Amino acid sequence: MTAGETVLDAAQLAAPLGERATLVQFSSAFCAPCRATRRVLADVAAMVPGVAHVEIDAEERLELVRTVGVHKTPTVLVLDAAGREVRRAAGQPRTADVIAALGAAVAP
């Protein structure tokens, strides 16, 4: 996972940010890896206090997709508590990788 310069807020996401971090998933309707990614991110968000998972339909939110620079689904952004992107990955992530990326978001 690599980082970008994106900063997103609750209004742009149409969902509240997590208290400690937010996992933002850009998905599309017929994407099988997106379904698996949804399960991984939801599981991690349930395991780690203060972490939210927000899924965004890329087809419905094309302006945000372009603004953020998403080129394929699934793409996952890891945001810190202030909404700053600290990690980014395209493709289906492994649970261990998501947990490791969260470490960068919640570090003091």
PDB file of N, CA and C in Angstrom:
ATOM      1  N   MET A   1       0.844  -1.184   0.000  1.00  0.00           N
ATOM      2  CA  MET A   1       0.000   0.000   0.000  1.00  0.00           C
ATOM      3  C   MET A   1       0.886   1.242   0.000  1.00  0.00           C
ATOM      4  N   THR A   2       0.530   2.191  -0.812  1.00  0.00           N
ATOM      5  CA  THR A   2       1.270   3.447  -0.854  1.00  0.00           C
ATOM      6  C   THR A   2       0.349   4.595  -0.481  1.00  0.00           C
ATOM      7  N   ALA A   3       0.937   5.733  -0.158  1.00  0.00           N
ATOM      8  CA  ALA A   3       0.149   6.891   0.274  1.00  0.00           C
ATOM      9  C   ALA A   3      -0.025   7.885  -0.862  1.00  0.00           C
ATOM     10  N   GLY A   4      -1.042   8.718  -0.734  1.00  0.00           N
ATOM     11  CA  GLY A   4      -1.284   9.799  -1.676  1.00  0.00           C
ATOM     12  C   GLY A   4      -1.406  11.097  -0.899  1.00  0.00           C
ATOM     13  N   GLU A   5      -1.934  12.113  -1.549  1.00  0.00           N
ATOM     14  CA  GLU A   5      -2.091  13.403  -0.887  1.00  0.00           C
ATOM     15  C   GLU A   5      -3.551  13.752  -0.681  1.00  0.00           C
ATOM     16  N   THR A   6      -4.405  12.767  -0.710  1.00  0.00           N
ATOM     17  CA  THR A   6      -5.841  12.976  -0.598  1.00  0.00           C
ATOM     18  C   THR A   6      -6.240  13.278   0.840  1.00  0.00           C
ATOM     19  N   VAL A   7      -7.159  14.228   0.995  1.00  0.00           N
ATOM     20  CA  VAL A   7      -7.798  14.488   2.284  1.00  0.00           C
ATOM     21  C   VAL A   7      -9.300  14.494   2.017  1.00  0.00           C
ATOM     22  N   LEU A   8     -10.034  13.650   2.740  1.00  0.00           N
ATOM     23  CA  LEU A   8     -11.476  13.549   2.558  1.00  0.00           C
ATOM     24  C   LEU A   8     -12.175  13.821   3.882  1.00  0.00           C
ATOM     25  N   ASP A   9     -13.380  14.385   3.792  1.00  0.00           N
ATOM     26  CA  ASP A   9     -14.155  14.627   5.011  1.00  0.00           C
ATOM     27  C   ASP A   9     -15.472  13.847   4.930  1.00  0.00           C
ATOM     28  N   ALA A  10     -16.231  13.902   6.009  1.00  0.00           N
ATOM     29  CA  ALA A  10     -17.484  13.156   6.100  1.00  0.00           C
ATOM     30  C   ALA A  10     -18.467  13.550   4.998  1.00  0.00           C
ATOM     31  N   ALA A  11     -18.494  14.824   4.630  1.00  0.00           N
ATOM     32  CA  ALA A  11     -19.411  15.269   3.582  1.00  0.00           C
ATOM     33  C   ALA A  11     -19.053  14.630   2.239  1.00  0.00           C
ATOM     34  N   GLN A  12     -17.767  14.579   1.912  1.00  0.00           N
ATOM     35  CA  GLN A  12     -17.355  13.968   0.646  1.00  0.00           C
ATOM     36  C   GLN A  12     -17.635  12.471   0.630  1.00  0.00           C
ATOM     37  N   LEU A  13     -17.473  11.831   1.778  1.00  0.00           N
ATOM     38  CA  LEU A  13     -17.699  10.391   1.868  1.00  0.00           C
ATOM     39  C   LEU A  13     -19.172  10.043   2.034  1.00  0.00           C
ATOM     40  N   ALA A  14     -19.971  11.023   2.433  1.00  0.00           N
ATOM     41  CA  ALA A  14     -21.384  10.798   2.757  1.00  0.00           C
ATOM     42  C   ALA A  14     -21.510   9.781   3.889  1.00  0.00           C
ATOM     43  N   ALA A  15     -20.529   9.815   4.793  1.00  0.00           N
ATOM     44  CA  ALA A  15     -20.506   8.930   5.966  1.00  0.00           C
ATOM     45  C   ALA A  15     -19.505   9.518   6.955  1.00  0.00           C
ATOM     46  N   PRO A  16     -19.701   9.259   8.237  1.00  0.00           N
ATOM     47  CA  PRO A  16     -18.758   9.797   9.218  1.00  0.00           C
ATOM     48  C   PRO A  16     -17.393   9.123   9.137  1.00  0.00           C
ATOM     49  N   LEU A  17     -16.362   9.897   9.449  1.00  0.00           N
ATOM     50  CA  LEU A  17     -15.018   9.340   9.558  1.00  0.00           C
ATOM     51  C   LEU A  17     -14.918   8.530  10.843  1.00  0.00           C
ATOM     52  N   GLY A  18     -14.035   7.551  10.851  1.00  0.00           N
ATOM     53  CA  GLY A  18     -13.787   6.796  12.073  1.00  0.00           C
ATOM     54  C   GLY A  18     -13.054   7.663  13.078  1.00  0.00           C
ATOM     55  N   GLU A  19     -13.231   7.366  14.334  1.00  0.00           N
ATOM     56  CA  GLU A  19     -12.584   8.124  15.402  1.00  0.00           C
ATOM     57  C   GLU A  19     -11.060   8.055  15.292  1.00  0.00           C
ATOM     58  N   ARG A  20     -10.539   6.891  14.880  1.00  0.00           N
ATOM     59  CA  ARG A  20      -9.089   6.712  14.764  1.00  0.00           C
ATOM     60  C   ARG A  20      -8.623   6.598  13.318  1.00  0.00           C
ATOM     61  N   ALA A  21      -9.434   5.982  12.462  1.00  0.00           N
ATOM     62  CA  ALA A  21      -9.068   5.780  11.056  1.00  0.00           C
ATOM     63  C   ALA A  21     -10.308   5.377  10.269  1.00  0.00           C
ATOM     64  N   THR A  22     -10.216   5.527   8.944  1.00  0.00           N
ATOM     65  CA  THR A  22     -11.323   5.146   8.062  1.00  0.00           C
ATOM     66  C   THR A  22     -10.764   4.346   6.896  1.00  0.00           C
ATOM     67  N   LEU A  23     -11.403   3.219   6.612  1.00  0.00           N
ATOM     68  CA  LEU A  23     -11.073   2.402   5.447  1.00  0.00           C
ATOM     69  C   LEU A  23     -12.100   2.740   4.370  1.00  0.00           C
ATOM     70  N   VAL A  24     -11.662   3.384   3.298  1.00  0.00           N
ATOM     71  CA  VAL A  24     -12.554   3.794   2.217  1.00  0.00           C
ATOM     72  C   VAL A  24     -12.347   2.840   1.049  1.00  0.00           C
ATOM     73  N   GLN A  25     -13.425   2.175   0.658  1.00  0.00           N
ATOM     74  CA  GLN A  25     -13.373   1.199  -0.420  1.00  0.00           C
ATOM     75  C   GLN A  25     -14.168   1.712  -1.615  1.00  0.00           C
ATOM     76  N   PHE A  26     -13.508   1.818  -2.759  1.00  0.00           N
ATOM     77  CA  PHE A  26     -14.188   2.159  -4.009  1.00  0.00           C
ATOM     78  C   PHE A  26     -14.486   0.839  -4.722  1.00  0.00           C
ATOM     79  N   SER A  27     -15.765   0.596  -5.000  1.00  0.00           N
ATOM     80  CA  SER A  27     -16.217  -0.667  -5.577  1.00  0.00           C
ATOM     81  C   SER A  27     -17.079  -0.419  -6.804  1.00  0.00           C
ATOM     82  N   SER A  28     -17.323  -1.502  -7.551  1.00  0.00           N
ATOM     83  CA  SER A  28     -18.293  -1.458  -8.636  1.00  0.00           C
ATOM     84  C   SER A  28     -19.188  -2.693  -8.521  1.00  0.00           C
ATOM     85  N   ALA A  29     -20.351  -2.615  -9.117  1.00  0.00           N
ATOM     86  CA  ALA A  29     -21.409  -3.604  -8.892  1.00  0.00           C
ATOM     87  C   ALA A  29     -21.013  -5.036  -9.243  1.00  0.00           C
ATOM     88  N   PHE A  30     -20.314  -5.246 -10.338  1.00  0.00           N
ATOM     89  CA  PHE A  30     -20.054  -6.610 -10.801  1.00  0.00           C
ATOM     90  C   PHE A  30     -18.629  -7.055 -10.542  1.00  0.00           C
ATOM     91  N   CYS A  31     -18.029  -6.522  -9.498  1.00  0.00           N
ATOM     92  CA  CYS A  31     -16.638  -6.787  -9.165  1.00  0.00           C
ATOM     93  C   CYS A  31     -16.567  -7.833  -8.051  1.00  0.00           C
ATOM     94  N   ALA A  32     -16.172  -9.065  -8.392  1.00  0.00           N
ATOM     95  CA  ALA A  32     -16.075 -10.126  -7.381  1.00  0.00           C
ATOM     96  C   ALA A  32     -15.032  -9.798  -6.311  1.00  0.00           C
ATOM     97  N   PRO A  33     -13.845  -9.285  -6.667  1.00  0.00           N
ATOM     98  CA  PRO A  33     -12.883  -8.930  -5.619  1.00  0.00           C
ATOM     99  C   PRO A  33     -13.414  -7.834  -4.687  1.00  0.00           C
ATOM    100  N   CYS A  34     -14.341  -7.017  -5.163  1.00  0.00           N
ATOM    101  CA  CYS A  34     -14.924  -5.971  -4.310  1.00  0.00           C
ATOM    102  C   CYS A  34     -15.723  -6.593  -3.171  1.00  0.00           C
ATOM    103  N   ARG A  35     -16.439  -7.669  -3.453  1.00  0.00           N
ATOM    104  CA  ARG A  35     -17.219  -8.342  -2.410  1.00  0.00           C
ATOM    105  C   ARG A  35     -16.299  -8.937  -1.345  1.00  0.00           C
ATOM    106  N   ALA A  36     -15.216  -9.558  -1.785  1.00  0.00           N
ATOM    107  CA  ALA A  36     -14.258 -10.125  -0.831  1.00  0.00           C
ATOM    108  C   ALA A  36     -13.577  -9.009  -0.032  1.00  0.00           C
ATOM    109  N   THR A  37     -13.273  -7.908  -0.691  1.00  0.00           N
ATOM    110  CA  THR A  37     -12.650  -6.767  -0.016  1.00  0.00           C
ATOM    111  C   THR A  37     -13.587  -6.203   1.034  1.00  0.00           C
ATOM    112  N   ARG A  38     -14.882  -6.123   0.722  1.00  0.00           N
ATOM    113  CA  ARG A  38     -15.880  -5.634   1.669  1.00  0.00           C
ATOM    114  C   ARG A  38     -15.845  -6.465   2.953  1.00  0.00           C
ATOM    115  N   ARG A  39     -15.765  -7.789   2.808  1.00  0.00           N
ATOM    116  CA  ARG A  39     -15.722  -8.668   3.981  1.00  0.00           C
ATOM    117  C   ARG A  39     -14.453  -8.434   4.803  1.00  0.00           C
ATOM    118  N   VAL A  40     -13.313  -8.341   4.128  1.00  0.00           N
ATOM    119  CA  VAL A  40     -12.037  -8.123   4.832  1.00  0.00           C
ATOM    120  C   VAL A  40     -12.072  -6.808   5.598  1.00  0.00           C
ATOM    121  N   LEU A  41     -12.489  -5.731   4.937  1.00  0.00           N
ATOM    122  CA  LEU A  41     -12.481  -4.418   5.580  1.00  0.00           C
ATOM    123  C   LEU A  41     -13.506  -4.338   6.711  1.00  0.00           C
ATOM    124  N   ALA A  42     -14.671  -4.929   6.517  1.00  0.00           N
ATOM    125  CA  ALA A  42     -15.685  -4.931   7.578  1.00  0.00           C
ATOM    126  C   ALA A  42     -15.181  -5.709   8.794  1.00  0.00           C
ATOM    127  N   ASP A  43     -14.509  -6.824   8.551  1.00  0.00           N
ATOM    128  CA  ASP A  43     -13.961  -7.614   9.656  1.00  0.00           C
ATOM    129  C   ASP A  43     -12.899  -6.827  10.420  1.00  0.00           C
ATOM    130  N   VAL A  44     -12.001  -6.168   9.685  1.00  0.00           N
ATOM    131  CA  VAL A  44     -10.945  -5.383  10.339  1.00  0.00           C
ATOM    132  C   VAL A  44     -11.555  -4.222  11.118  1.00  0.00           C
ATOM    133  N   ALA A  45     -12.524  -3.526  10.523  1.00  0.00           N
ATOM    134  CA  ALA A  45     -13.170  -2.401  11.212  1.00  0.00           C
ATOM    135  C   ALA A  45     -13.862  -2.872  12.488  1.00  0.00           C
ATOM    136  N   ALA A  46     -14.414  -4.079  12.466  1.00  0.00           N
ATOM    137  CA  ALA A  46     -15.079  -4.623  13.657  1.00  0.00           C
ATOM    138  C   ALA A  46     -14.057  -5.008  14.734  1.00  0.00           C
ATOM    139  N   MET A  47     -12.858  -5.390  14.316  1.00  0.00           N
ATOM    140  CA  MET A  47     -11.814  -5.815  15.256  1.00  0.00           C
ATOM    141  C   MET A  47     -11.083  -4.649  15.917  1.00  0.00           C
ATOM    142  N   VAL A  48     -10.957  -3.534  15.198  1.00  0.00           N
ATOM    143  CA  VAL A  48     -10.127  -2.426  15.674  1.00  0.00           C
ATOM    144  C   VAL A  48     -11.026  -1.269  16.113  1.00  0.00           C
ATOM    145  N   PRO A  49     -11.043  -0.955  17.396  1.00  0.00           N
ATOM    146  CA  PRO A  49     -11.893   0.139  17.884  1.00  0.00           C
ATOM    147  C   PRO A  49     -11.559   1.474  17.226  1.00  0.00           C
ATOM    148  N   GLY A  50     -12.609   2.229  16.885  1.00  0.00           N
ATOM    149  CA  GLY A  50     -12.414   3.556  16.311  1.00  0.00           C
ATOM    150  C   GLY A  50     -12.144   3.576  14.823  1.00  0.00           C
ATOM    151  N   VAL A  51     -12.278   2.423  14.168  1.00  0.00           N
ATOM    152  CA  VAL A  51     -12.037   2.340  12.719  1.00  0.00           C
ATOM    153  C   VAL A  51     -13.377   2.145  12.015  1.00  0.00           C
ATOM    154  N   ALA A  52     -13.633   2.964  11.001  1.00  0.00           N
ATOM    155  CA  ALA A  52     -14.859   2.864  10.205  1.00  0.00           C
ATOM    156  C   ALA A  52     -14.531   2.314   8.825  1.00  0.00           C
ATOM    157  N   HIS A  53     -15.496   1.626   8.239  1.00  0.00           N
ATOM    158  CA  HIS A  53     -15.385   1.146   6.857  1.00  0.00           C
ATOM    159  C   HIS A  53     -16.469   1.839   6.040  1.00  0.00           C
ATOM    160  N   VAL A  54     -16.076   2.525   4.979  1.00  0.00           N
ATOM    161  CA  VAL A  54     -17.014   3.212   4.099  1.00  0.00           C
ATOM    162  C   VAL A  54     -16.821   2.660   2.701  1.00  0.00           C
ATOM    163  N   GLU A  55     -17.893   2.149   2.114  1.00  0.00           N
ATOM    164  CA  GLU A  55     -17.829   1.652   0.743  1.00  0.00           C
ATOM    165  C   GLU A  55     -18.505   2.656  -0.185  1.00  0.00           C
ATOM    166  N   ILE A  56     -17.829   2.969  -1.272  1.00  0.00           N
ATOM    167  CA  ILE A  56     -18.336   3.946  -2.238  1.00  0.00           C
ATOM    168  C   ILE A  56     -18.498   3.262  -3.584  1.00  0.00           C
ATOM    169  N   ASP A  57     -19.680   3.400  -4.163  1.00  0.00           N
ATOM    170  CA  ASP A  57     -19.941   2.864  -5.498  1.00  0.00           C
ATOM    171  C   ASP A  57     -19.276   3.792  -6.509  1.00  0.00           C
ATOM    172  N   ALA A  58     -18.242   3.293  -7.152  1.00  0.00           N
ATOM    173  CA  ALA A  58     -17.449   4.123  -8.068  1.00  0.00           C
ATOM    174  C   ALA A  58     -18.287   4.664  -9.226  1.00  0.00           C
ATOM    175  N   GLU A  59     -19.239   3.878  -9.703  1.00  0.00           N
ATOM    176  CA  GLU A  59     -20.063   4.302 -10.831  1.00  0.00           C
ATOM    177  C   GLU A  59     -20.994   5.444 -10.453  1.00  0.00           C
ATOM    178  N   GLU A  60     -21.469   5.443  -9.204  1.00  0.00           N
ATOM    179  CA  GLU A  60     -22.376   6.496  -8.745  1.00  0.00           C
ATOM    180  C   GLU A  60     -21.634   7.759  -8.322  1.00  0.00           C
ATOM    181  N   ARG A  61     -20.354   7.648  -8.020  1.00  0.00           N
ATOM    182  CA  ARG A  61     -19.590   8.778  -7.482  1.00  0.00           C
ATOM    183  C   ARG A  61     -18.382   9.086  -8.369  1.00  0.00           C
ATOM    184  N   LEU A  62     -18.622   9.205  -9.690  1.00  0.00           N
ATOM    185  CA  LEU A  62     -17.533   9.405 -10.646  1.00  0.00           C
ATOM    186  C   LEU A  62     -16.698  10.654 -10.367  1.00  0.00           C
ATOM    187  N   GLU A  63     -17.339  11.729  -9.911  1.00  0.00           N
ATOM    188  CA  GLU A  63     -16.576  12.943  -9.633  1.00  0.00           C
ATOM    189  C   GLU A  63     -15.552  12.692  -8.520  1.00  0.00           C
ATOM    190  N   LEU A  64     -15.973  12.012  -7.455  1.00  0.00           N
ATOM    191  CA  LEU A  64     -15.053  11.698  -6.362  1.00  0.00           C
ATOM    192  C   LEU A  64     -13.967  10.734  -6.835  1.00  0.00           C
ATOM    193  N   VAL A  65     -14.333   9.754  -7.647  1.00  0.00           N
ATOM    194  CA  VAL A  65     -13.365   8.805  -8.207  1.00  0.00           C
ATOM    195  C   VAL A  65     -12.271   9.558  -8.961  1.00  0.00           C
ATOM    196  N   ARG A  66     -12.676  10.513  -9.769  1.00  0.00           N
ATOM    197  CA  ARG A  66     -11.698  11.299 -10.540  1.00  0.00           C
ATOM    198  C   ARG A  66     -10.853  12.187  -9.632  1.00  0.00           C
ATOM    199  N   THR A  67     -11.486  12.824  -8.664  1.00  0.00           N
ATOM    200  CA  THR A  67     -10.776  13.704  -7.738  1.00  0.00           C
ATOM    201  C   THR A  67      -9.709  12.942  -6.972  1.00  0.00           C
ATOM    202  N   VAL A  68     -10.049  11.752  -6.529  1.00  0.00           N
ATOM    203  CA  VAL A  68      -9.139  10.953  -5.707  1.00  0.00           C
ATOM    204  C   VAL A  68      -8.130  10.187  -6.565  1.00  0.00           C
ATOM    205  N   GLY A  69      -8.427   9.998  -7.840  1.00  0.00           N
ATOM    206  CA  GLY A  69      -7.502   9.294  -8.726  1.00  0.00           C
ATOM    207  C   GLY A  69      -7.616   7.785  -8.662  1.00  0.00           C
ATOM    208  N   VAL A  70      -8.853   7.282  -8.543  1.00  0.00           N
ATOM    209  CA  VAL A  70      -9.077   5.843  -8.539  1.00  0.00           C
ATOM    210  C   VAL A  70      -9.174   5.389  -9.996  1.00  0.00           C
ATOM    211  N   HIS A  71      -8.405   4.334 -10.340  1.00  0.00           N
ATOM    212  CA  HIS A  71      -8.373   3.851 -11.719  1.00  0.00           C
ATOM    213  C   HIS A  71      -8.948   2.457 -11.887  1.00  0.00           C
ATOM    214  N   LYS A  72      -9.127   1.722 -10.770  1.00  0.00           N
ATOM    215  CA  LYS A  72      -9.731   0.392 -10.848  1.00  0.00           C
ATOM    216  C   LYS A  72     -10.379   0.067  -9.519  1.00  0.00           C
ATOM    217  N   THR A  73     -11.278  -0.921  -9.558  1.00  0.00           N
ATOM    218  CA  THR A  73     -11.917  -1.375  -8.325  1.00  0.00           C
ATOM    219  C   THR A  73     -11.510  -2.818  -8.070  1.00  0.00           C
ATOM    220  N   PRO A  74     -11.374  -3.192  -6.810  1.00  0.00           N
ATOM    221  CA  PRO A  74     -11.467  -2.314  -5.652  1.00  0.00           C
ATOM    222  C   PRO A  74     -10.186  -1.510  -5.435  1.00  0.00           C
ATOM    223  N   THR A  75     -10.364  -0.299  -4.968  1.00  0.00           N
ATOM    224  CA  THR A  75      -9.257   0.517  -4.467  1.00  0.00           C
ATOM    225  C   THR A  75      -9.606   0.877  -3.039  1.00  0.00           C
ATOM    226  N   VAL A  76      -8.638   0.741  -2.151  1.00  0.00           N
ATOM    227  CA  VAL A  76      -8.836   1.020  -0.739  1.00  0.00           C
ATOM    228  C   VAL A  76      -7.922   2.156  -0.316  1.00  0.00           C
ATOM    229  N   LEU A  77      -8.501   3.165   0.336  1.00  0.00           N
ATOM    230  CA  LEU A  77      -7.730   4.239   0.947  1.00  0.00           C
ATOM    231  C   LEU A  77      -7.807   4.061   2.456  1.00  0.00           C
ATOM    232  N   VAL A  78      -6.691   4.217   3.119  1.00  0.00           N
ATOM    233  CA  VAL A  78      -6.665   4.228   4.578  1.00  0.00           C
ATOM    234  C   VAL A  78      -6.459   5.684   4.987  1.00  0.00           C
ATOM    235  N   LEU A  79      -7.460   6.227   5.687  1.00  0.00           N
ATOM    236  CA  LEU A  79      -7.411   7.614   6.132  1.00  0.00           C
ATOM    237  C   LEU A  79      -7.143   7.664   7.626  1.00  0.00           C
ATOM    238  N   ASP A  80      -6.379   8.671   8.052  1.00  0.00           N
ATOM    239  CA  ASP A  80      -6.194   8.863   9.492  1.00  0.00           C
ATOM    240  C   ASP A  80      -7.425   9.562  10.066  1.00  0.00           C
ATOM    241  N   ALA A  81      -7.392   9.894  11.341  1.00  0.00           N
ATOM    242  CA  ALA A  81      -8.561  10.485  12.001  1.00  0.00           C
ATOM    243  C   ALA A  81      -8.980  11.817  11.383  1.00  0.00           C
ATOM    244  N   ALA A  82      -8.036  12.529  10.773  1.00  0.00           N
ATOM    245  CA  ALA A  82      -8.324  13.821  10.146  1.00  0.00           C
ATOM    246  C   ALA A  82      -8.751  13.682   8.681  1.00  0.00           C
ATOM    247  N   GLY A  83      -8.807  12.453   8.168  1.00  0.00           N
ATOM    248  CA  GLY A  83      -9.219  12.239   6.784  1.00  0.00           C
ATOM    249  C   GLY A  83      -8.090  12.296   5.780  1.00  0.00           C
ATOM    250  N   ARG A  84      -6.836  12.322   6.249  1.00  0.00           N
ATOM    251  CA  ARG A  84      -5.682  12.324   5.349  1.00  0.00           C
ATOM    252  C   ARG A  84      -5.351  10.899   4.916  1.00  0.00           C
ATOM    253  N   GLU A  85      -5.120  10.728   3.637  1.00  0.00           N
ATOM    254  CA  GLU A  85      -4.749   9.413   3.115  1.00  0.00           C
ATOM    255  C   GLU A  85      -3.337   9.064   3.569  1.00  0.00           C
ATOM    256  N   VAL A  86      -3.204   7.911   4.209  1.00  0.00           N
ATOM    257  CA  VAL A  86      -1.885   7.447   4.639  1.00  0.00           C
ATOM    258  C   VAL A  86      -1.438   6.209   3.874  1.00  0.00           C
ATOM    259  N   ARG A  87      -2.378   5.491   3.289  1.00  0.00           N
ATOM    260  CA  ARG A  87      -2.062   4.320   2.469  1.00  0.00           C
ATOM    261  C   ARG A  87      -3.141   4.163   1.404  1.00  0.00           C
ATOM    262  N   ARG A  88      -2.736   3.501   0.300  1.00  0.00           N
ATOM    263  CA  ARG A  88      -3.663   3.228  -0.806  1.00  0.00           C
ATOM    264  C   ARG A  88      -3.249   1.920  -1.455  1.00  0.00           C
ATOM    265  N   ALA A  89      -4.236   1.134  -1.857  1.00  0.00           N
ATOM    266  CA  ALA A  89      -3.949  -0.108  -2.570  1.00  0.00           C
ATOM    267  C   ALA A  89      -5.081  -0.402  -3.538  1.00  0.00           C
ATOM    268  N   ALA A  90      -4.719  -0.950  -4.689  1.00  0.00           N
ATOM    269  CA  ALA A  90      -5.710  -1.408  -5.664  1.00  0.00           C
ATOM    270  C   ALA A  90      -5.684  -2.930  -5.651  1.00  0.00           C
ATOM    271  N   GLY A  91      -6.841  -3.525  -5.823  1.00  0.00           N
ATOM    272  CA  GLY A  91      -6.948  -4.980  -5.779  1.00  0.00           C
ATOM    273  C   GLY A  91      -7.402  -5.428  -4.406  1.00  0.00           C
ATOM    274  N   GLN A  92      -7.642  -6.724  -4.306  1.00  0.00           N
ATOM    275  CA  GLN A  92      -8.150  -7.296  -3.056  1.00  0.00           C
ATOM    276  C   GLN A  92      -7.030  -7.386  -2.028  1.00  0.00           C
ATOM    277  N   PRO A  93      -7.193  -6.707  -0.877  1.00  0.00           N
ATOM    278  CA  PRO A  93      -6.132  -6.746   0.141  1.00  0.00           C
ATOM    279  C   PRO A  93      -6.235  -7.973   1.039  1.00  0.00           C
ATOM    280  N   ARG A  94      -5.125  -8.314   1.638  1.00  0.00           N
ATOM    281  CA  ARG A  94      -5.114  -9.357   2.665  1.00  0.00           C
ATOM    282  C   ARG A  94      -5.369  -8.687   4.014  1.00  0.00           C
ATOM    283  N   THR A  95      -5.992  -9.409   4.912  1.00  0.00           N
ATOM    284  CA  THR A  95      -6.298  -8.866   6.238  1.00  0.00           C
ATOM    285  C   THR A  95      -5.049  -8.330   6.920  1.00  0.00           C
ATOM    286  N   ALA A  96      -3.956  -9.085   6.874  1.00  0.00           N
ATOM    287  CA  ALA A  96      -2.720  -8.663   7.534  1.00  0.00           C
ATOM    288  C   ALA A  96      -2.208  -7.337   6.964  1.00  0.00           C
ATOM    289  N   ASP A  97      -2.350  -7.149   5.657  1.00  0.00           N
ATOM    290  CA  ASP A  97      -1.898  -5.903   5.036  1.00  0.00           C
ATOM    291  C   ASP A  97      -2.740  -4.716   5.477  1.00  0.00           C
ATOM    292  N   VAL A  98      -4.048  -4.942   5.620  1.00  0.00           N
ATOM    293  CA  VAL A  98      -4.936  -3.860   6.070  1.00  0.00           C
ATOM    294  C   VAL A  98      -4.584  -3.476   7.501  1.00  0.00           C
ATOM    295  N   ILE A  99      -4.381  -4.469   8.337  1.00  0.00           N
ATOM    296  CA  ILE A  99      -4.021  -4.189   9.734  1.00  0.00           C
ATOM    297  C   ILE A  99      -2.697  -3.437   9.806  1.00  0.00           C
ATOM    298  N   ALA A 100      -1.721  -3.841   9.007  1.00  0.00           N
ATOM    299  CA  ALA A 100      -0.434  -3.151   8.981  1.00  0.00           C
ATOM    300  C   ALA A 100      -0.594  -1.711   8.507  1.00  0.00           C
ATOM    301  N   ALA A 101      -1.417  -1.498   7.488  1.00  0.00           N
ATOM    302  CA  ALA A 101      -1.643  -0.145   6.976  1.00  0.00           C
ATOM    303  C   ALA A 101      -2.340   0.717   8.014  1.00  0.00           C
ATOM    304  N   LEU A 102      -3.214   0.129   8.802  1.00  0.00           N
ATOM    305  CA  LEU A 102      -3.886   0.883   9.855  1.00  0.00           C
ATOM    306  C   LEU A 102      -2.883   1.390  10.886  1.00  0.00           C
ATOM    307  N   GLY A 103      -1.809   0.657  11.084  1.00  0.00           N
ATOM    308  CA  GLY A 103      -0.772   1.081  12.019  1.00  0.00           C
ATOM    309  C   GLY A 103      -0.238   2.457  11.668  1.00  0.00           C
ATOM    310  N   ALA A 104      -0.098   2.746  10.385  1.00  0.00           N
ATOM    311  CA  ALA A 104       0.385   4.062   9.950  1.00  0.00           C
ATOM    312  C   ALA A 104      -0.663   5.140  10.196  1.00  0.00           C
ATOM    313  N   ALA A 105      -1.927   4.766  10.137  1.00  0.00           N
ATOM    314  CA  ALA A 105      -3.003   5.742  10.311  1.00  0.00           C
ATOM    315  C   ALA A 105      -3.230   6.104  11.775  1.00  0.00           C
ATOM    316  N   VAL A 106      -3.050   5.138  12.667  1.00  0.00           N
ATOM    317  CA  VAL A 106      -3.365   5.380  14.070  1.00  0.00           C
ATOM    318  C   VAL A 106      -2.137   5.659  14.923  1.00  0.00           C
ATOM    319  N   ALA A 107      -0.963   5.653  14.297  1.00  0.00           N
ATOM    320  CA  ALA A 107       0.269   5.946  15.051  1.00  0.00           C
ATOM    321  C   ALA A 107       0.224   7.372  15.584  1.00  0.00           C
ATOM    322  N   PRO A 108       0.758   7.589  16.786  1.00  0.00           N
ATOM    323  CA  PRO A 108       0.704   8.933  17.381  1.00  0.00           C
ATOM    324  C   PRO A 108       1.516   9.949  16.612  1.00  0.00           C
TER     325      PRO A 108
END
